[in-house]
PDB file of N, CA and C in Angstrom:
ATOM      1  N   UNK A   1      70.307   1.334-147.414  1.00  0.00           N
ATOM      2  CA  UNK A   1      71.086   0.624-148.409  1.00  0.00           C
ATOM      3  C   UNK A   1      71.828  -0.563-147.794  1.00  0.00           C
ATOM      4  N   UNK A   2      72.342  -0.337-146.597  1.00  0.00           N
ATOM      5  CA  UNK A   2      73.095  -1.398-145.929  1.00  0.00           C
ATOM      6  C   UNK A   2      72.204  -2.595-145.608  1.00  0.00           C
ATOM      7  N   UNK A   3      70.978  -2.351-145.148  1.00  0.00           N
ATOM      8  CA  UNK A   3      70.031  -3.427-144.850  1.00  0.00           C
ATOM      9  C   UNK A   3      69.673  -4.207-146.111  1.00  0.00           C
ATOM     10  N   UNK A   4      69.472  -3.526-147.217  1.00  0.00           N
ATOM     11  CA  UNK A   4      69.162  -4.190-148.486  1.00  0.00           C
ATOM     12  C   UNK A   4      70.331  -5.055-148.920  1.00  0.00           C
ATOM     13  N   UNK A   5      71.535  -4.560-148.757  1.00  0.00           N
ATOM     14  CA  UNK A   5      72.731  -5.321-149.116  1.00  0.00           C
ATOM     15  C   UNK A   5      72.822  -6.605-148.282  1.00  0.00           C
ATOM     16  N   UNK A   6      72.565  -6.502-146.966  1.00  0.00           N
ATOM     17  CA  UNK A   6      72.596  -7.674-146.089  1.00  0.00           C
ATOM     18  C   UNK A   6      71.522  -8.679-146.493  1.00  0.00           C
ATOM     19  N   UNK A   7      70.322  -8.171-146.795  1.00  0.00           N
ATOM     20  CA  UNK A   7      69.218  -9.046-147.186  1.00  0.00           C
ATOM     21  C   UNK A   7      69.551  -9.798-148.480  1.00  0.00           C
ATOM     22  N   UNK A   8      70.102  -9.115-149.454  1.00  0.00           N
ATOM     23  CA  UNK A   8      70.478  -9.752-150.725  1.00  0.00           C
ATOM     24  C   UNK A   8      71.537 -10.831-150.511  1.00  0.00           C
ATOM     25  N   UNK A   9      72.463 -10.582-149.612  1.00  0.00           N
ATOM     26  CA  UNK A   9      73.515 -11.562-149.319  1.00  0.00           C
ATOM     27  C   UNK A   9      72.925 -12.824-148.701  1.00  0.00           C
ATOM     28  N   UNK A  10      71.961 -12.654-147.795  1.00  0.00           N
ATOM     29  CA  UNK A  10      71.318 -13.807-147.166  1.00  0.00           C
ATOM     30  C   UNK A  10      70.531 -14.604-148.201  1.00  0.00           C
ATOM     31  N   UNK A  11      69.763 -13.924-149.034  1.00  0.00           N
ATOM     32  CA  UNK A  11      68.946 -14.611-150.043  1.00  0.00           C
ATOM     33  C   UNK A  11      69.837 -15.353-151.041  1.00  0.00           C
ATOM     34  N   UNK A  12      70.973 -14.776-151.392  1.00  0.00           N
ATOM     35  CA  UNK A  12      71.898 -15.422-152.329  1.00  0.00           C
ATOM     36  C   UNK A  12      72.424 -16.738-151.766  1.00  0.00           C
ATOM     37  N   UNK A  13      72.567 -16.794-150.459  1.00  0.00           N
ATOM     38  CA  UNK A  13      73.105 -17.992-149.805  1.00  0.00           C
ATOM     39  C   UNK A  13      72.018 -18.822-149.137  1.00  0.00           C
ATOM     40  N   UNK A  14      70.778 -18.724-149.611  1.00  0.00           N
ATOM     41  CA  UNK A  14      69.643 -19.444-149.029  1.00  0.00           C
ATOM     42  C   UNK A  14      69.548 -20.852-149.631  1.00  0.00           C
ATOM     43  N   UNK A  15      69.266 -21.837-148.784  1.00  0.00           N
ATOM     44  CA  UNK A  15      69.203 -23.230-149.226  1.00  0.00           C
ATOM     45  C   UNK A  15      68.014 -23.937-148.585  1.00  0.00           C
ATOM     46  N   UNK A  16      67.437 -24.890-149.323  1.00  0.00           N
ATOM     47  CA  UNK A  16      66.405 -25.771-148.773  1.00  0.00           C
ATOM     48  C   UNK A  16      67.110 -26.949-148.112  1.00  0.00           C
ATOM     49  N   UNK A  17      66.766 -27.196-146.868  1.00  0.00           N
ATOM     50  CA  UNK A  17      67.440 -28.232-146.085  1.00  0.00           C
ATOM     51  C   UNK A  17      66.406 -29.243-145.612  1.00  0.00           C
ATOM     52  N   UNK A  18      66.728 -30.522-145.811  1.00  0.00           N
ATOM     53  CA  UNK A  18      65.881 -31.595-145.294  1.00  0.00           C
ATOM     54  C   UNK A  18      66.743 -32.479-144.400  1.00  0.00           C
ATOM     55  N   UNK A  19      66.274 -32.662-143.179  1.00  0.00           N
ATOM     56  CA  UNK A  19      66.987 -33.507-142.220  1.00  0.00           C
ATOM     57  C   UNK A  19      66.100 -34.694-141.895  1.00  0.00           C
ATOM     58  N   UNK A  20      66.628 -35.893-142.111  1.00  0.00           N
ATOM     59  CA  UNK A  20      65.900 -37.124-141.800  1.00  0.00           C
ATOM     60  C   UNK A  20      66.509 -37.723-140.530  1.00  0.00           C
ATOM     61  N   UNK A  21      65.654 -37.816-139.504  1.00  0.00           N
ATOM     62  CA  UNK A  21      66.120 -38.343-138.227  1.00  0.00           C
ATOM     63  C   UNK A  21      64.988 -39.130-137.575  1.00  0.00           C
ATOM     64  N   UNK A  22      65.258 -40.396-137.330  1.00  0.00           N
ATOM     65  CA  UNK A  22      64.302 -41.283-136.657  1.00  0.00           C
ATOM     66  C   UNK A  22      62.929 -41.275-137.313  1.00  0.00           C
ATOM     67  N   UNK A  23      62.905 -41.566-138.594  1.00  0.00           N
ATOM     68  CA  UNK A  23      61.666 -41.672-139.377  1.00  0.00           C
ATOM     69  C   UNK A  23      60.867 -40.379-139.464  1.00  0.00           C
ATOM     70  N   UNK A  24      61.503 -39.240-139.231  1.00  0.00           N
ATOM     71  CA  UNK A  24      60.850 -37.948-139.400  1.00  0.00           C
ATOM     72  C   UNK A  24      61.672 -37.104-140.361  1.00  0.00           C
ATOM     73  N   UNK A  25      60.962 -36.296-141.150  1.00  0.00           N
ATOM     74  CA  UNK A  25      61.623 -35.368-142.060  1.00  0.00           C
ATOM     75  C   UNK A  25      61.362 -33.953-141.568  1.00  0.00           C
ATOM     76  N   UNK A  26      62.439 -33.214-141.423  1.00  0.00           N
ATOM     77  CA  UNK A  26      62.350 -31.825-141.014  1.00  0.00           C
ATOM     78  C   UNK A  26      62.772 -30.975-142.208  1.00  0.00           C
ATOM     79  N   UNK A  27      61.883 -30.108-142.670  1.00  0.00           N
ATOM     80  CA  UNK A  27      62.182 -29.233-143.804  1.00  0.00           C
ATOM     81  C   UNK A  27      62.434 -27.834-143.280  1.00  0.00           C
ATOM     82  N   UNK A  28      63.615 -27.318-143.612  1.00  0.00           N
ATOM     83  CA  UNK A  28      64.058 -26.025-143.099  1.00  0.00           C
ATOM     84  C   UNK A  28      64.579 -25.161-144.241  1.00  0.00           C
ATOM     85  N   UNK A  29      64.697 -23.886-143.961  1.00  0.00           N
ATOM     86  CA  UNK A  29      65.362 -22.972-144.877  1.00  0.00           C
ATOM     87  C   UNK A  29      66.579 -22.431-144.150  1.00  0.00           C
ATOM     88  N   UNK A  30      67.727 -22.541-144.793  1.00  0.00           N
ATOM     89  CA  UNK A  30      68.948 -22.125-144.136  1.00  0.00           C
ATOM     90  C   UNK A  30      69.815 -21.261-145.025  1.00  0.00           C
ATOM     91  N   UNK A  31      70.862 -20.751-144.420  1.00  0.00           N
ATOM     92  CA  UNK A  31      71.837 -19.983-145.173  1.00  0.00           C
ATOM     93  C   UNK A  31      73.225 -20.321-144.661  1.00  0.00           C
ATOM     94  N   UNK A  32      74.208 -20.074-145.513  1.00  0.00           N
ATOM     95  CA  UNK A  32      75.592 -20.310-145.120  1.00  0.00           C
ATOM     96  C   UNK A  32      76.095 -19.093-144.366  1.00  0.00           C
ATOM     97  N   UNK A  33      76.566 -19.338-143.172  1.00  0.00           N
ATOM     98  CA  UNK A  33      77.163 -18.290-142.362  1.00  0.00           C
ATOM     99  C   UNK A  33      78.673 -18.450-142.473  1.00  0.00           C
ATOM    100  N   UNK A  34      79.321 -17.507-143.135  1.00  0.00           N
ATOM    101  CA  UNK A  34      80.760 -17.622-143.353  1.00  0.00           C
ATOM    102  C   UNK A  34      81.548 -17.612-142.048  1.00  0.00           C
ATOM    103  N   UNK A  35      80.924 -17.132-140.979  1.00  0.00           N
ATOM    104  CA  UNK A  35      81.595 -17.132-139.677  1.00  0.00           C
ATOM    105  C   UNK A  35      81.397 -18.420-138.892  1.00  0.00           C
ATOM    106  N   UNK A  36      80.508 -19.291-139.373  1.00  0.00           N
ATOM    107  CA  UNK A  36      80.235 -20.545-138.674  1.00  0.00           C
ATOM    108  C   UNK A  36      81.282 -21.580-139.052  1.00  0.00           C
ATOM    109  N   UNK A  37      82.215 -21.793-138.169  1.00  0.00           N
ATOM    110  CA  UNK A  37      83.284 -22.761-138.405  1.00  0.00           C
ATOM    111  C   UNK A  37      83.227 -23.887-137.373  1.00  0.00           C
ATOM    112  N   UNK A  38      82.028 -24.161-136.876  1.00  0.00           N
ATOM    113  CA  UNK A  38      81.864 -25.207-135.873  1.00  0.00           C
ATOM    114  C   UNK A  38      82.107 -26.584-136.478  1.00  0.00           C
ATOM    115  N   UNK A  39      82.972 -27.344-135.842  1.00  0.00           N
ATOM    116  CA  UNK A  39      83.206 -28.735-136.240  1.00  0.00           C
ATOM    117  C   UNK A  39      83.395 -29.556-134.970  1.00  0.00           C
ATOM    118  N   UNK A  40      83.059 -30.828-135.075  1.00  0.00           N
ATOM    119  CA  UNK A  40      83.292 -31.712-133.932  1.00  0.00           C
ATOM    120  C   UNK A  40      84.797 -31.956-133.829  1.00  0.00           C
ATOM    121  N   UNK A  41      85.350 -31.896-132.637  1.00  0.00           N
ATOM    122  CA  UNK A  41      86.806 -31.989-132.496  1.00  0.00           C
ATOM    123  C   UNK A  41      87.401 -33.350-132.834  1.00  0.00           C
ATOM    124  N   UNK A  42      86.637 -34.422-132.685  1.00  0.00           N
ATOM    125  CA  UNK A  42      87.200 -35.753-132.906  1.00  0.00           C
ATOM    126  C   UNK A  42      87.091 -36.182-134.364  1.00  0.00           C
ATOM    127  N   UNK A  43      85.885 -36.166-134.912  1.00  0.00           N
ATOM    128  CA  UNK A  43      85.673 -36.640-136.287  1.00  0.00           C
ATOM    129  C   UNK A  43      85.700 -35.532-137.327  1.00  0.00           C
ATOM    130  N   UNK A  44      85.841 -34.289-136.879  1.00  0.00           N
ATOM    131  CA  UNK A  44      85.917 -33.125-137.786  1.00  0.00           C
ATOM    132  C   UNK A  44      84.665 -32.973-138.642  1.00  0.00           C
ATOM    133  N   UNK A  45      83.497 -33.300-138.080  1.00  0.00           N
ATOM    134  CA  UNK A  45      82.231 -33.156-138.786  1.00  0.00           C
ATOM    135  C   UNK A  45      81.730 -31.722-138.641  1.00  0.00           C
ATOM    136  N   UNK A  46      81.252 -31.159-139.747  1.00  0.00           N
ATOM    137  CA  UNK A  46      80.672 -29.828-139.704  1.00  0.00           C
ATOM    138  C   UNK A  46      79.373 -29.884-138.908  1.00  0.00           C
ATOM    139  N   UNK A  47      78.999 -28.751-138.322  1.00  0.00           N
ATOM    140  CA  UNK A  47      77.780 -28.697-137.509  1.00  0.00           C
ATOM    141  C   UNK A  47      76.813 -27.681-138.094  1.00  0.00           C
ATOM    142  N   UNK A  48      75.616 -28.160-138.406  1.00  0.00           N
ATOM    143  CA  UNK A  48      74.528 -27.320-138.877  1.00  0.00           C
ATOM    144  C   UNK A  48      73.697 -26.948-137.654  1.00  0.00           C
ATOM    145  N   UNK A  49      73.461 -25.665-137.450  1.00  0.00           N
ATOM    146  CA  UNK A  49      72.652 -25.215-136.308  1.00  0.00           C
ATOM    147  C   UNK A  49      71.199 -25.054-136.737  1.00  0.00           C
ATOM    148  N   UNK A  50      70.287 -25.572-135.928  1.00  0.00           N
ATOM    149  CA  UNK A  50      68.863 -25.518-136.271  1.00  0.00           C
ATOM    150  C   UNK A  50      68.025 -25.071-135.077  1.00  0.00           C
ATOM    151  N   UNK A  51      66.848 -24.546-135.407  1.00  0.00           N
ATOM    152  CA  UNK A  51      65.828 -24.211-134.412  1.00  0.00           C
ATOM    153  C   UNK A  51      64.839 -25.366-134.342  1.00  0.00           C
ATOM    154  N   UNK A  52      65.224 -26.449-133.763  1.00  0.00           N
ATOM    155  CA  UNK A  52      64.328 -27.600-133.628  1.00  0.00           C
ATOM    156  C   UNK A  52      64.378 -28.117-132.201  1.00  0.00           C
ATOM    157  N   UNK A  53      63.243 -28.587-131.737  1.00  0.00           N
ATOM    158  CA  UNK A  53      63.199 -29.291-130.463  1.00  0.00           C
ATOM    159  C   UNK A  53      63.100 -30.774-130.778  1.00  0.00           C
ATOM    160  N   UNK A  54      64.209 -31.454-130.691  1.00  0.00           N
ATOM    161  CA  UNK A  54      64.245 -32.888-130.959  1.00  0.00           C
ATOM    162  C   UNK A  54      64.679 -33.575-129.675  1.00  0.00           C
ATOM    163  N   UNK A  55      63.834 -34.434-129.184  1.00  0.00           N
ATOM    164  CA  UNK A  55      64.178 -35.207-127.997  1.00  0.00           C
ATOM    165  C   UNK A  55      64.868 -36.484-128.429  1.00  0.00           C
ATOM    166  N   UNK A  56      66.056 -36.675-127.924  1.00  0.00           N
ATOM    167  CA  UNK A  56      66.821 -37.857-128.287  1.00  0.00           C
ATOM    168  C   UNK A  56      67.660 -38.297-127.095  1.00  0.00           C
ATOM    169  N   UNK A  57      67.772 -39.600-126.943  1.00  0.00           N
ATOM    170  CA  UNK A  57      68.644 -40.155-125.906  1.00  0.00           C
ATOM    171  C   UNK A  57      70.058 -40.323-126.430  1.00  0.00           C
ATOM    172  N   UNK A  58      70.229 -40.068-127.722  1.00  0.00           N
ATOM    173  CA  UNK A  58      71.524 -40.274-128.369  1.00  0.00           C
ATOM    174  C   UNK A  58      72.180 -38.960-128.751  1.00  0.00           C
ATOM    175  N   UNK A  59      72.195 -38.000-127.830  1.00  0.00           N
ATOM    176  CA  UNK A  59      72.817 -36.718-128.115  1.00  0.00           C
ATOM    177  C   UNK A  59      74.335 -36.830-128.074  1.00  0.00           C
ATOM    178  N   UNK A  60      74.968 -36.063-128.916  1.00  0.00           N
ATOM    179  CA  UNK A  60      76.422 -35.949-128.944  1.00  0.00           C
ATOM    180  C   UNK A  60      76.715 -34.534-128.465  1.00  0.00           C
ATOM    181  N   UNK A  61      77.512 -34.398-127.428  1.00  0.00           N
ATOM    182  CA  UNK A  61      77.807 -33.080-126.888  1.00  0.00           C
ATOM    183  C   UNK A  61      79.146 -32.600-127.432  1.00  0.00           C
ATOM    184  N   UNK A  62      79.101 -31.462-128.140  1.00  0.00           N
ATOM    185  CA  UNK A  62      80.293 -30.945-128.809  1.00  0.00           C
ATOM    186  C   UNK A  62      80.697 -29.624-128.151  1.00  0.00           C
ATOM    187  N   UNK A  63      81.924 -29.552-127.651  1.00  0.00           N
ATOM    188  CA  UNK A  63      82.390 -28.287-127.068  1.00  0.00           C
ATOM    189  C   UNK A  63      82.691 -27.269-128.167  1.00  0.00           C
ATOM    190  N   UNK A  64      82.509 -25.996-127.842  1.00  0.00           N
ATOM    191  CA  UNK A  64      82.845 -24.944-128.802  1.00  0.00           C
ATOM    192  C   UNK A  64      83.446 -23.753-128.074  1.00  0.00           C
ATOM    193  N   UNK A  65      84.129 -22.932-128.852  1.00  0.00           N
ATOM    194  CA  UNK A  65      84.700 -21.688-128.348  1.00  0.00           C
ATOM    195  C   UNK A  65      84.467 -20.635-129.420  1.00  0.00           C
ATOM    196  N   UNK A  66      83.860 -19.514-129.021  1.00  0.00           N
ATOM    197  CA  UNK A  66      83.597 -18.443-129.969  1.00  0.00           C
ATOM    198  C   UNK A  66      83.603 -17.105-129.249  1.00  0.00           C
ATOM    199  N   UNK A  67      84.363 -16.179-129.745  1.00  0.00           N
ATOM    200  CA  UNK A  67      84.390 -14.819-129.212  1.00  0.00           C
ATOM    201  C   UNK A  67      84.360 -14.758-127.689  1.00  0.00           C
ATOM    202  N   UNK A  68      85.372 -15.291-127.076  1.00  0.00           N
ATOM    203  CA  UNK A  68      85.517 -15.281-125.610  1.00  0.00           C
ATOM    204  C   UNK A  68      84.414 -16.036-124.885  1.00  0.00           C
ATOM    205  N   UNK A  69      83.727 -16.923-125.578  1.00  0.00           N
ATOM    206  CA  UNK A  69      82.667 -17.723-124.974  1.00  0.00           C
ATOM    207  C   UNK A  69      82.951 -19.191-125.251  1.00  0.00           C
ATOM    208  N   UNK A  70      82.697 -20.012-124.272  1.00  0.00           N
ATOM    209  CA  UNK A  70      82.806 -21.452-124.483  1.00  0.00           C
ATOM    210  C   UNK A  70      81.501 -22.092-124.051  1.00  0.00           C
ATOM    211  N   UNK A  71      81.257 -23.271-124.564  1.00  0.00           N
ATOM    212  CA  UNK A  71      80.041 -23.981-124.194  1.00  0.00           C
ATOM    213  C   UNK A  71      79.999 -25.350-124.821  1.00  0.00           C
ATOM    214  N   UNK A  72      78.838 -25.952-124.734  1.00  0.00           N
ATOM    215  CA  UNK A  72      78.629 -27.278-125.299  1.00  0.00           C
ATOM    216  C   UNK A  72      77.330 -27.254-126.097  1.00  0.00           C
ATOM    217  N   UNK A  73      77.379 -27.761-127.315  1.00  0.00           N
ATOM    218  CA  UNK A  73      76.199 -27.820-128.178  1.00  0.00           C
ATOM    219  C   UNK A  73      75.709 -29.262-128.230  1.00  0.00           C
ATOM    220  N   UNK A  74      74.443 -29.512-127.868  1.00  0.00           N
ATOM    221  CA  UNK A  74      73.910 -30.862-128.054  1.00  0.00           C
ATOM    222  C   UNK A  74      73.628 -31.075-129.537  1.00  0.00           C
ATOM    223  N   UNK A  75      74.081 -32.199-130.062  1.00  0.00           N
ATOM    224  CA  UNK A  75      73.940 -32.497-131.487  1.00  0.00           C
ATOM    225  C   UNK A  75      73.330 -33.880-131.693  1.00  0.00           C
ATOM    226  N   UNK A  76      72.768 -34.058-132.875  1.00  0.00           N
ATOM    227  CA  UNK A  76      72.296 -35.374-133.298  1.00  0.00           C
ATOM    228  C   UNK A  76      73.018 -35.747-134.580  1.00  0.00           C
ATOM    229  N   UNK A  77      73.069 -37.029-134.856  1.00  0.00           N
ATOM    230  CA  UNK A  77      73.632 -37.539-136.099  1.00  0.00           C
ATOM    231  C   UNK A  77      72.461 -38.066-136.923  1.00  0.00           C
ATOM    232  N   UNK A  78      71.951 -37.270-137.873  1.00  0.00           N
ATOM    233  CA  UNK A  78      70.798 -37.718-138.662  1.00  0.00           C
ATOM    234  C   UNK A  78      71.169 -38.816-139.648  1.00  0.00           C
ATOM    235  N   UNK A  79      70.141 -39.546-140.080  1.00  0.00           N
ATOM    236  CA  UNK A  79      70.364 -40.587-141.078  1.00  0.00           C
ATOM    237  C   UNK A  79      70.732 -39.962-142.429  1.00  0.00           C
ATOM    238  N   UNK A  80      70.087 -38.824-142.757  1.00  0.00           N
ATOM    239  CA  UNK A  80      70.348 -38.150-144.043  1.00  0.00           C
ATOM    240  C   UNK A  80      70.172 -36.653-143.892  1.00  0.00           C
ATOM    241  N   UNK A  81      71.008 -35.929-144.623  1.00  0.00           N
ATOM    242  CA  UNK A  81      70.854 -34.484-144.762  1.00  0.00           C
ATOM    243  C   UNK A  81      70.888 -34.189-146.249  1.00  0.00           C
ATOM    244  N   UNK A  82      69.863 -33.502-146.725  1.00  0.00           N
ATOM    245  CA  UNK A  82      69.809 -33.129-148.137  1.00  0.00           C
ATOM    246  C   UNK A  82      69.676 -31.611-148.203  1.00  0.00           C
ATOM    247  N   UNK A  83      70.597 -30.999-148.912  1.00  0.00           N
ATOM    248  CA  UNK A  83      70.578 -29.545-149.084  1.00  0.00           C
ATOM    249  C   UNK A  83      70.509 -29.256-150.568  1.00  0.00           C
ATOM    250  N   UNK A  84      69.428 -28.614-150.977  1.00  0.00           N
ATOM    251  CA  UNK A  84      69.186 -28.320-152.395  1.00  0.00           C
ATOM    252  C   UNK A  84      69.448 -29.543-153.274  1.00  0.00           C
ATOM    253  N   UNK A  85      68.835 -30.656-152.917  1.00  0.00           N
ATOM    254  CA  UNK A  85      68.892 -31.917-153.664  1.00  0.00           C
ATOM    255  C   UNK A  85      70.268 -32.581-153.678  1.00  0.00           C
ATOM    256  N   UNK A  86      71.187 -32.159-152.817  1.00  0.00           N
ATOM    257  CA  UNK A  86      72.491 -32.810-152.695  1.00  0.00           C
ATOM    258  C   UNK A  86      72.584 -33.450-151.312  1.00  0.00           C
ATOM    259  N   UNK A  87      72.929 -34.735-151.301  1.00  0.00           N
ATOM    260  CA  UNK A  87      73.093 -35.399-150.010  1.00  0.00           C
ATOM    261  C   UNK A  87      74.437 -34.994-149.407  1.00  0.00           C
ATOM    262  N   UNK A  88      74.391 -34.604-148.159  1.00  0.00           N
ATOM    263  CA  UNK A  88      75.581 -34.138-147.454  1.00  0.00           C
ATOM    264  C   UNK A  88      75.988 -35.196-146.439  1.00  0.00           C
ATOM    265  N   UNK A  89      77.249 -35.520-146.431  1.00  0.00           N
ATOM    266  CA  UNK A  89      77.781 -36.519-145.509  1.00  0.00           C
ATOM    267  C   UNK A  89      78.635 -35.827-144.442  1.00  0.00           C
ATOM    268  N   UNK A  90      78.921 -36.538-143.389  1.00  0.00           N
ATOM    269  CA  UNK A  90      79.819 -36.077-142.334  1.00  0.00           C
ATOM    270  C   UNK A  90      79.390 -34.762-141.705  1.00  0.00           C
ATOM    271  N   UNK A  91      78.134 -34.685-141.324  1.00  0.00           N
ATOM    272  CA  UNK A  91      77.606 -33.495-140.642  1.00  0.00           C
ATOM    273  C   UNK A  91      76.821 -33.912-139.411  1.00  0.00           C
ATOM    274  N   UNK A  92      76.891 -33.079-138.420  1.00  0.00           N
ATOM    275  CA  UNK A  92      76.040 -33.201-137.252  1.00  0.00           C
ATOM    276  C   UNK A  92      75.034 -32.058-137.294  1.00  0.00           C
ATOM    277  N   UNK A  93      73.960 -32.208-136.560  1.00  0.00           N
ATOM    278  CA  UNK A  93      72.961 -31.151-136.447  1.00  0.00           C
ATOM    279  C   UNK A  93      72.956 -30.689-134.999  1.00  0.00           C
ATOM    280  N   UNK A  94      73.326 -29.423-134.806  1.00  0.00           N
ATOM    281  CA  UNK A  94      73.357 -28.825-133.477  1.00  0.00           C
ATOM    282  C   UNK A  94      72.013 -28.216-133.138  1.00  0.00           C
ATOM    283  N   UNK A  95      71.518 -28.522-131.971  1.00  0.00           N
ATOM    284  CA  UNK A  95      70.221 -28.031-131.527  1.00  0.00           C
ATOM    285  C   UNK A  95      70.436 -26.748-130.728  1.00  0.00           C
ATOM    286  N   UNK A  96      70.122 -25.621-131.358  1.00  0.00           N
ATOM    287  CA  UNK A  96      70.366 -24.316-130.730  1.00  0.00           C
ATOM    288  C   UNK A  96      69.488 -24.141-129.499  1.00  0.00           C
ATOM    289  N   UNK A  97      70.090 -23.767-128.393  1.00  0.00           N
ATOM    290  CA  UNK A  97      69.304 -23.549-127.180  1.00  0.00           C
ATOM    291  C   UNK A  97      68.646 -22.173-127.212  1.00  0.00           C
ATOM    292  N   UNK A  98      69.284 -21.219-127.851  1.00  0.00           N
ATOM    293  CA  UNK A  98      68.711 -19.893-128.033  1.00  0.00           C
ATOM    294  C   UNK A  98      68.140 -19.814-129.437  1.00  0.00           C
ATOM    295  N   UNK A  99      66.857 -19.609-129.527  1.00  0.00           N
ATOM    296  CA  UNK A  99      66.196 -19.582-130.835  1.00  0.00           C
ATOM    297  C   UNK A  99      66.644 -18.361-131.623  1.00  0.00           C
ATOM    298  N   UNK A 100      66.825 -18.543-132.901  1.00  0.00           N
ATOM    299  CA  UNK A 100      67.226 -17.459-133.785  1.00  0.00           C
ATOM    300  C   UNK A 100      66.277 -17.416-134.970  1.00  0.00           C
ATOM    301  N   UNK A 101      66.153 -16.283-135.556  1.00  0.00           N
ATOM    302  CA  UNK A 101      65.390 -16.153-136.799  1.00  0.00           C
ATOM    303  C   UNK A 101      66.016 -15.019-137.591  1.00  0.00           C
ATOM    304  N   UNK A 102      66.466 -15.363-138.758  1.00  0.00           N
ATOM    305  CA  UNK A 102      67.119 -14.402-139.624  1.00  0.00           C
ATOM    306  C   UNK A 102      66.337 -14.349-140.925  1.00  0.00           C
ATOM    307  N   UNK A 103      65.496 -13.334-141.066  1.00  0.00           N
ATOM    308  CA  UNK A 103      64.658 -13.182-142.263  1.00  0.00           C
ATOM    309  C   UNK A 103      63.889 -14.450-142.595  1.00  0.00           C
ATOM    310  N   UNK A 104      63.328 -15.111-141.585  1.00  0.00           N
ATOM    311  CA  UNK A 104      62.520 -16.305-141.799  1.00  0.00           C
ATOM    312  C   UNK A 104      63.316 -17.594-141.930  1.00  0.00           C
ATOM    313  N   UNK A 105      64.630 -17.526-141.947  1.00  0.00           N
ATOM    314  CA  UNK A 105      65.461 -18.716-142.064  1.00  0.00           C
ATOM    315  C   UNK A 105      65.663 -19.316-140.676  1.00  0.00           C
ATOM    316  N   UNK A 106      65.661 -20.652-140.606  1.00  0.00           N
ATOM    317  CA  UNK A 106      65.733 -21.301-139.298  1.00  0.00           C
ATOM    318  C   UNK A 106      66.828 -22.357-139.206  1.00  0.00           C
ATOM    319  N   UNK A 107      67.842 -22.198-140.044  1.00  0.00           N
ATOM    320  CA  UNK A 107      68.929 -23.175-140.094  1.00  0.00           C
ATOM    321  C   UNK A 107      70.193 -22.434-140.531  1.00  0.00           C
ATOM    322  N   UNK A 108      71.271 -22.610-139.796  1.00  0.00           N
ATOM    323  CA  UNK A 108      72.534 -21.965-140.141  1.00  0.00           C
ATOM    324  C   UNK A 108      73.516 -23.040-140.582  1.00  0.00           C
ATOM    325  N   UNK A 109      73.947 -22.927-141.830  1.00  0.00           N
ATOM    326  CA  UNK A 109      74.872 -23.897-142.412  1.00  0.00           C
ATOM    327  C   UNK A 109      76.301 -23.434-142.195  1.00  0.00           C
ATOM    328  N   UNK A 110      77.214 -24.370-141.929  1.00  0.00           N
ATOM    329  CA  UNK A 110      78.606 -23.985-141.703  1.00  0.00           C
ATOM    330  C   UNK A 110      79.306 -23.595-142.998  1.00  0.00           C
ATOM    331  N   UNK A 111      80.266 -22.730-142.869  1.00  0.00           N
ATOM    332  CA  UNK A 111      81.051 -22.260-144.006  1.00  0.00           C
ATOM    333  C   UNK A 111      81.712 -23.420-144.751  1.00  0.00           C
ATOM    334  N   UNK A 112      82.023 -24.488-144.037  1.00  0.00           N
ATOM    335  CA  UNK A 112      82.680 -25.660-144.625  1.00  0.00           C
ATOM    336  C   UNK A 112      81.883 -26.264-145.788  1.00  0.00           C
ATOM    337  N   UNK A 113      80.561 -26.056-145.810  1.00  0.00           N
ATOM    338  CA  UNK A 113      79.719 -26.624-146.872  1.00  0.00           C
ATOM    339  C   UNK A 113      79.646 -25.758-148.125  1.00  0.00           C
ATOM    340  N   UNK A 114      80.190 -24.559-148.066  1.00  0.00           N
ATOM    341  CA  UNK A 114      80.059 -23.616-149.172  1.00  0.00           C
ATOM    342  C   UNK A 114      80.552 -24.190-150.496  1.00  0.00           C
ATOM    343  N   UNK A 115      81.735 -24.760-150.509  1.00  0.00           N
ATOM    344  CA  UNK A 115      82.286 -25.331-151.745  1.00  0.00           C
ATOM    345  C   UNK A 115      81.467 -26.523-152.223  1.00  0.00           C
ATOM    346  N   UNK A 116      80.989 -27.332-151.307  1.00  0.00           N
ATOM    347  CA  UNK A 116      80.224 -28.520-151.656  1.00  0.00           C
ATOM    348  C   UNK A 116      78.878 -28.180-152.293  1.00  0.00           C
ATOM    349  N   UNK A 117      78.311 -27.033-151.924  1.00  0.00           N
ATOM    350  CA  UNK A 117      76.985 -26.650-152.419  1.00  0.00           C
ATOM    351  C   UNK A 117      77.032 -25.758-153.646  1.00  0.00           C
ATOM    352  N   UNK A 118      78.160 -25.150-153.918  1.00  0.00           N
ATOM    353  CA  UNK A 118      78.240 -24.247-155.069  1.00  0.00           C
ATOM    354  C   UNK A 118      78.537 -24.965-156.364  1.00  0.00           C
TER     355      UNK A 118
END
């Protein structure tokens, strides 16, 4: 029962994500993680985590702290982010070094976007 409940929660918060970066479109499926509160410290931009290998000379390195762990996330600033047909502004895309897969979803959206998407 608990697994079914978790699965239903993920599906309820599932979104189609399109990231446009350097003349390429990346189509992903993501969900809102209420625990994801990653933001860039200077411009306060939310960070979307993705399972993508994007080579860029224009990486933005964002420090983070989570559960007694600190590190740096390499991020890109895409030209456009569209989530369920809504253009999202002021977001960075964090390139996850450790690949994740949660029920086939490959993009973790920050909690900060929840109000904007609902």
